[in-house]
Amino acid sequence: MAGTEDKPLVWLHREIKTPPLSKEARVEAGVLLRRLQGGEVLALPCSRPMPSIGTRCHELRIVDREHAWRIIYRVDTDAIVVVDLFSKKTPGTPTAAIDRCKTRLRRYDELAR
Protein backbone atom coordinates (compact mmCIF):
# COMPACT_ATOMS: atom_id res chain seq x y z
CA MET A 1 0.00 0.00 0.00
CA ALA A 2 1.44 3.31 -1.02
CA GLY A 3 1.99 5.79 1.76
CA THR A 4 1.81 3.34 4.64
CA GLU A 5 4.68 2.13 6.77
CA ASP A 6 5.50 -1.53 6.96
CA LYS A 7 5.05 -3.29 10.27
CA PRO A 8 8.28 -4.18 12.04
CA LEU A 9 9.18 -7.77 12.87
CA VAL A 10 9.41 -8.59 16.58
CA TRP A 11 11.49 -11.74 17.22
CA LEU A 12 10.57 -13.66 20.37
CA HIS A 13 13.00 -16.49 19.73
CA ARG A 14 15.70 -16.74 17.09
CA GLU A 15 16.24 -15.30 13.67
CA ILE A 16 16.08 -17.38 10.51
CA LYS A 17 19.60 -18.42 9.53
CA THR A 18 21.49 -20.65 7.13
CA PRO A 19 22.14 -23.25 8.46
CA PRO A 20 19.90 -24.89 9.62
CA LEU A 21 17.68 -23.68 6.77
CA SER A 22 19.03 -23.86 3.25
CA LYS A 23 19.73 -20.52 1.58
CA GLU A 24 16.64 -21.02 -0.64
CA ALA A 25 14.37 -21.72 2.35
CA ARG A 26 15.75 -18.70 4.22
CA VAL A 27 15.10 -16.47 1.21
CA GLU A 28 11.56 -17.84 0.85
CA ALA A 29 10.90 -17.17 4.55
CA GLY A 30 12.22 -13.63 4.14
CA VAL A 31 10.00 -12.95 1.14
CA LEU A 32 6.90 -14.23 2.98
CA LEU A 33 7.69 -12.21 6.12
CA ARG A 34 8.23 -9.12 3.97
CA ARG A 35 4.82 -9.62 2.37
CA LEU A 36 3.27 -9.85 5.85
CA GLN A 37 5.04 -6.66 6.91
CA GLY A 38 3.47 -4.90 3.95
CA GLY A 39 -0.01 -5.88 5.13
CA GLU A 40 -0.67 -8.81 2.81
CA VAL A 41 -2.84 -11.61 4.20
CA LEU A 42 -1.34 -14.97 3.27
CA ALA A 43 -3.32 -18.19 2.89
CA LEU A 44 -2.63 -21.84 2.06
CA PRO A 45 -0.30 -23.19 0.90
CA CYS A 46 2.03 -20.48 2.30
CA SER A 47 0.30 -19.88 5.61
CA ARG A 48 -2.49 -21.28 7.73
CA PRO A 49 -4.25 -20.08 10.88
CA MET A 50 -3.22 -21.55 14.23
CA PRO A 51 -6.17 -20.91 16.56
CA SER A 52 -4.78 -23.55 18.94
CA ILE A 53 -2.05 -21.02 19.78
CA GLY A 54 -4.15 -17.87 19.82
CA THR A 55 -6.05 -15.19 17.99
CA ARG A 56 -4.30 -13.81 14.89
CA CYS A 57 -1.70 -16.62 15.08
CA HIS A 58 -0.57 -18.42 11.94
CA GLU A 59 2.20 -20.65 10.66
CA LEU A 60 4.31 -20.03 7.60
CA ARG A 61 4.98 -23.26 5.75
CA ILE A 62 8.45 -23.48 4.23
CA VAL A 63 9.45 -26.59 2.28
CA ASP A 64 13.20 -27.19 2.32
CA ARG A 65 15.31 -29.95 0.79
CA GLU A 66 15.30 -32.15 3.88
CA HIS A 67 12.82 -30.45 6.20
CA ALA A 68 9.41 -28.87 6.40
CA TRP A 69 9.94 -25.68 8.43
CA ARG A 70 7.26 -23.84 10.35
CA ILE A 71 7.44 -20.22 11.45
CA ILE A 72 4.76 -19.32 13.97
CA TYR A 73 3.74 -15.66 13.87
CA ARG A 74 1.01 -13.34 15.10
CA VAL A 75 -0.32 -10.31 13.25
CA ASP A 76 -0.64 -7.44 15.73
CA THR A 77 -1.83 -3.95 14.87
CA ASP A 78 1.70 -2.56 15.26
CA ALA A 79 3.98 -5.50 14.36
CA ILE A 80 4.41 -9.01 13.01
CA VAL A 81 5.43 -11.04 16.06
CA VAL A 82 7.64 -14.01 15.10
CA VAL A 83 7.11 -16.53 17.88
CA ASP A 84 8.92 -19.73 16.91
CA LEU A 85 10.75 -21.61 14.17
CA PHE A 86 10.94 -25.39 14.09
CA SER A 87 11.36 -28.32 11.76
CA LYS A 88 8.07 -30.13 11.30
CA LYS A 89 8.51 -33.90 11.60
CA THR A 90 4.98 -35.11 12.36
CA PRO A 91 1.57 -34.56 10.75
CA GLY A 92 0.33 -32.47 13.68
CA THR A 93 1.98 -29.55 15.42
CA PRO A 94 3.83 -30.86 18.50
CA THR A 95 2.15 -30.00 21.80
CA ALA A 96 5.49 -28.72 23.12
CA ALA A 97 5.69 -26.20 20.26
CA ILE A 98 2.14 -24.98 20.89
CA ASP A 99 2.83 -24.60 24.62
CA ARG A 100 6.13 -22.81 23.95
CA CYS A 101 4.39 -20.33 21.62
CA LYS A 102 1.59 -19.64 24.11
CA THR A 103 4.14 -18.99 26.87
CA ARG A 104 6.22 -16.62 24.71
CA LEU A 105 3.14 -14.67 23.61
CA ARG A 106 1.81 -14.43 27.16
CA ARG A 107 5.18 -13.01 28.35
CA TYR A 108 5.35 -10.61 25.39
CA ASP A 109 1.82 -9.35 26.05
CA GLU A 110 2.57 -8.89 29.78
CA LEU A 111 5.67 -6.82 29.00
CA ALA A 112 3.78 -4.76 26.42
CA ARG A 113 1.20 -3.60 28.96
C-alpha atoms as a PDB file:
ATOM      1  CA  MET A   1       0.000   0.000   0.000  1.00  0.00           C
ATOM      2  CA  ALA A   2       1.437   3.309  -1.016  1.00  0.00           C
ATOM      3  CA  GLY A   3       1.986   5.795   1.758  1.00  0.00           C
ATOM      4  CA  THR A   4       1.814   3.339   4.643  1.00  0.00           C
ATOM      5  CA  GLU A   5       4.675   2.128   6.768  1.00  0.00           C
ATOM      6  CA  ASP A   6       5.502  -1.534   6.959  1.00  0.00           C
ATOM      7  CA  LYS A   7       5.046  -3.289  10.274  1.00  0.00           C
ATOM      8  CA  PRO A   8       8.277  -4.182  12.045  1.00  0.00           C
ATOM      9  CA  LEU A   9       9.181  -7.770  12.873  1.00  0.00           C
ATOM     10  CA  VAL A  10       9.408  -8.589  16.580  1.00  0.00           C
ATOM     11  CA  TRP A  11      11.487 -11.736  17.219  1.00  0.00           C
ATOM     12  CA  LEU A  12      10.573 -13.664  20.367  1.00  0.00           C
ATOM     13  CA  HIS A  13      13.002 -16.490  19.730  1.00  0.00           C
ATOM     14  CA  ARG A  14      15.698 -16.738  17.086  1.00  0.00           C
ATOM     15  CA  GLU A  15      16.241 -15.301  13.668  1.00  0.00           C
ATOM     16  CA  ILE A  16      16.077 -17.377  10.511  1.00  0.00           C
ATOM     17  CA  LYS A  17      19.597 -18.418   9.529  1.00  0.00           C
ATOM     18  CA  THR A  18      21.488 -20.653   7.134  1.00  0.00           C
ATOM     19  CA  PRO A  19      22.143 -23.251   8.461  1.00  0.00           C
ATOM     20  CA  PRO A  20      19.900 -24.886   9.624  1.00  0.00           C
ATOM     21  CA  LEU A  21      17.678 -23.681   6.765  1.00  0.00           C
ATOM     22  CA  SER A  22      19.030 -23.855   3.254  1.00  0.00           C
ATOM     23  CA  LYS A  23      19.726 -20.521   1.577  1.00  0.00           C
ATOM     24  CA  GLU A  24      16.638 -21.024  -0.638  1.00  0.00           C
ATOM     25  CA  ALA A  25      14.374 -21.716   2.353  1.00  0.00           C
ATOM     26  CA  ARG A  26      15.745 -18.698   4.223  1.00  0.00           C
ATOM     27  CA  VAL A  27      15.102 -16.467   1.212  1.00  0.00           C
ATOM     28  CA  GLU A  28      11.556 -17.839   0.855  1.00  0.00           C
ATOM     29  CA  ALA A  29      10.901 -17.174   4.547  1.00  0.00           C
ATOM     30  CA  GLY A  30      12.224 -13.629   4.140  1.00  0.00           C
ATOM     31  CA  VAL A  31       9.999 -12.946   1.142  1.00  0.00           C
ATOM     32  CA  LEU A  32       6.905 -14.232   2.984  1.00  0.00           C
ATOM     33  CA  LEU A  33       7.693 -12.213   6.121  1.00  0.00           C
ATOM     34  CA  ARG A  34       8.234  -9.119   3.973  1.00  0.00           C
ATOM     35  CA  ARG A  35       4.819  -9.617   2.372  1.00  0.00           C
ATOM     36  CA  LEU A  36       3.269  -9.848   5.854  1.00  0.00           C
ATOM     37  CA  GLN A  37       5.042  -6.660   6.907  1.00  0.00           C
ATOM     38  CA  GLY A  38       3.469  -4.899   3.947  1.00  0.00           C
ATOM     39  CA  GLY A  39      -0.013  -5.878   5.127  1.00  0.00           C
ATOM     40  CA  GLU A  40      -0.674  -8.809   2.809  1.00  0.00           C
ATOM     41  CA  VAL A  41      -2.840 -11.605   4.197  1.00  0.00           C
ATOM     42  CA  LEU A  42      -1.337 -14.970   3.268  1.00  0.00           C
ATOM     43  CA  ALA A  43      -3.322 -18.190   2.890  1.00  0.00           C
ATOM     44  CA  LEU A  44      -2.634 -21.837   2.062  1.00  0.00           C
ATOM     45  CA  PRO A  45      -0.295 -23.192   0.900  1.00  0.00           C
ATOM     46  CA  CYS A  46       2.031 -20.482   2.302  1.00  0.00           C
ATOM     47  CA  SER A  47       0.302 -19.880   5.611  1.00  0.00           C
ATOM     48  CA  ARG A  48      -2.490 -21.278   7.730  1.00  0.00           C
ATOM     49  CA  PRO A  49      -4.255 -20.082  10.881  1.00  0.00           C
ATOM     50  CA  MET A  50      -3.217 -21.549  14.231  1.00  0.00           C
ATOM     51  CA  PRO A  51      -6.174 -20.912  16.565  1.00  0.00           C
ATOM     52  CA  SER A  52      -4.781 -23.551  18.942  1.00  0.00           C
ATOM     53  CA  ILE A  53      -2.046 -21.016  19.779  1.00  0.00           C
ATOM     54  CA  GLY A  54      -4.154 -17.869  19.824  1.00  0.00           C
ATOM     55  CA  THR A  55      -6.052 -15.187  17.995  1.00  0.00           C
ATOM     56  CA  ARG A  56      -4.297 -13.815  14.889  1.00  0.00           C
ATOM     57  CA  CYS A  57      -1.698 -16.618  15.081  1.00  0.00           C
ATOM     58  CA  HIS A  58      -0.569 -18.416  11.938  1.00  0.00           C
ATOM     59  CA  GLU A  59       2.200 -20.650  10.665  1.00  0.00           C
ATOM     60  CA  LEU A  60       4.311 -20.027   7.599  1.00  0.00           C
ATOM     61  CA  ARG A  61       4.979 -23.264   5.752  1.00  0.00           C
ATOM     62  CA  ILE A  62       8.447 -23.482   4.229  1.00  0.00           C
ATOM     63  CA  VAL A  63       9.455 -26.588   2.284  1.00  0.00           C
ATOM     64  CA  ASP A  64      13.200 -27.192   2.323  1.00  0.00           C
ATOM     65  CA  ARG A  65      15.306 -29.946   0.791  1.00  0.00           C
ATOM     66  CA  GLU A  66      15.297 -32.155   3.875  1.00  0.00           C
ATOM     67  CA  HIS A  67      12.819 -30.451   6.196  1.00  0.00           C
ATOM     68  CA  ALA A  68       9.413 -28.871   6.398  1.00  0.00           C
ATOM     69  CA  TRP A  69       9.937 -25.685   8.431  1.00  0.00           C
ATOM     70  CA  ARG A  70       7.259 -23.836  10.349  1.00  0.00           C
ATOM     71  CA  ILE A  71       7.438 -20.217  11.454  1.00  0.00           C
ATOM     72  CA  ILE A  72       4.761 -19.319  13.973  1.00  0.00           C
ATOM     73  CA  TYR A  73       3.737 -15.661  13.870  1.00  0.00           C
ATOM     74  CA  ARG A  74       1.007 -13.342  15.097  1.00  0.00           C
ATOM     75  CA  VAL A  75      -0.317 -10.313  13.252  1.00  0.00           C
ATOM     76  CA  ASP A  76      -0.635  -7.437  15.726  1.00  0.00           C
ATOM     77  CA  THR A  77      -1.828  -3.946  14.865  1.00  0.00           C
ATOM     78  CA  ASP A  78       1.701  -2.560  15.256  1.00  0.00           C
ATOM     79  CA  ALA A  79       3.980  -5.499  14.356  1.00  0.00           C
ATOM     80  CA  ILE A  80       4.413  -9.009  13.011  1.00  0.00           C
ATOM     81  CA  VAL A  81       5.434 -11.044  16.059  1.00  0.00           C
ATOM     82  CA  VAL A  82       7.641 -14.014  15.103  1.00  0.00           C
ATOM     83  CA  VAL A  83       7.112 -16.530  17.885  1.00  0.00           C
ATOM     84  CA  ASP A  84       8.924 -19.732  16.910  1.00  0.00           C
ATOM     85  CA  LEU A  85      10.753 -21.612  14.174  1.00  0.00           C
ATOM     86  CA  PHE A  86      10.937 -25.389  14.089  1.00  0.00           C
ATOM     87  CA  SER A  87      11.358 -28.317  11.765  1.00  0.00           C
ATOM     88  CA  LYS A  88       8.068 -30.135  11.300  1.00  0.00           C
ATOM     89  CA  LYS A  89       8.514 -33.900  11.597  1.00  0.00           C
ATOM     90  CA  THR A  90       4.983 -35.112  12.363  1.00  0.00           C
ATOM     91  CA  PRO A  91       1.570 -34.558  10.745  1.00  0.00           C
ATOM     92  CA  GLY A  92       0.331 -32.467  13.679  1.00  0.00           C
ATOM     93  CA  THR A  93       1.979 -29.546  15.423  1.00  0.00           C
ATOM     94  CA  PRO A  94       3.832 -30.857  18.500  1.00  0.00           C
ATOM     95  CA  THR A  95       2.147 -29.997  21.797  1.00  0.00           C
ATOM     96  CA  ALA A  96       5.493 -28.719  23.122  1.00  0.00           C
ATOM     97  CA  ALA A  97       5.692 -26.200  20.257  1.00  0.00           C
ATOM     98  CA  ILE A  98       2.140 -24.981  20.887  1.00  0.00           C
ATOM     99  CA  ASP A  99       2.826 -24.601  24.620  1.00  0.00           C
ATOM    100  CA  ARG A 100       6.130 -22.812  23.946  1.00  0.00           C
ATOM    101  CA  CYS A 101       4.386 -20.334  21.618  1.00  0.00           C
ATOM    102  CA  LYS A 102       1.593 -19.639  24.110  1.00  0.00           C
ATOM    103  CA  THR A 103       4.142 -18.992  26.867  1.00  0.00           C
ATOM    104  CA  ARG A 104       6.218 -16.620  24.714  1.00  0.00           C
ATOM    105  CA  LEU A 105       3.141 -14.670  23.607  1.00  0.00           C
ATOM    106  CA  ARG A 106       1.807 -14.430  27.161  1.00  0.00           C
ATOM    107  CA  ARG A 107       5.175 -13.012  28.350  1.00  0.00           C
ATOM    108  CA  TYR A 108       5.346 -10.609  25.388  1.00  0.00           C
ATOM    109  CA  ASP A 109       1.820  -9.350  26.054  1.00  0.00           C
ATOM    110  CA  GLU A 110       2.569  -8.887  29.781  1.00  0.00           C
ATOM    111  CA  LEU A 111       5.667  -6.821  28.999  1.00  0.00           C
ATOM    112  CA  ALA A 112       3.778  -4.758  26.420  1.00  0.00           C
ATOM    113  CA  ARG A 113       1.200  -3.600  28.960  1.00  0.00           C
END
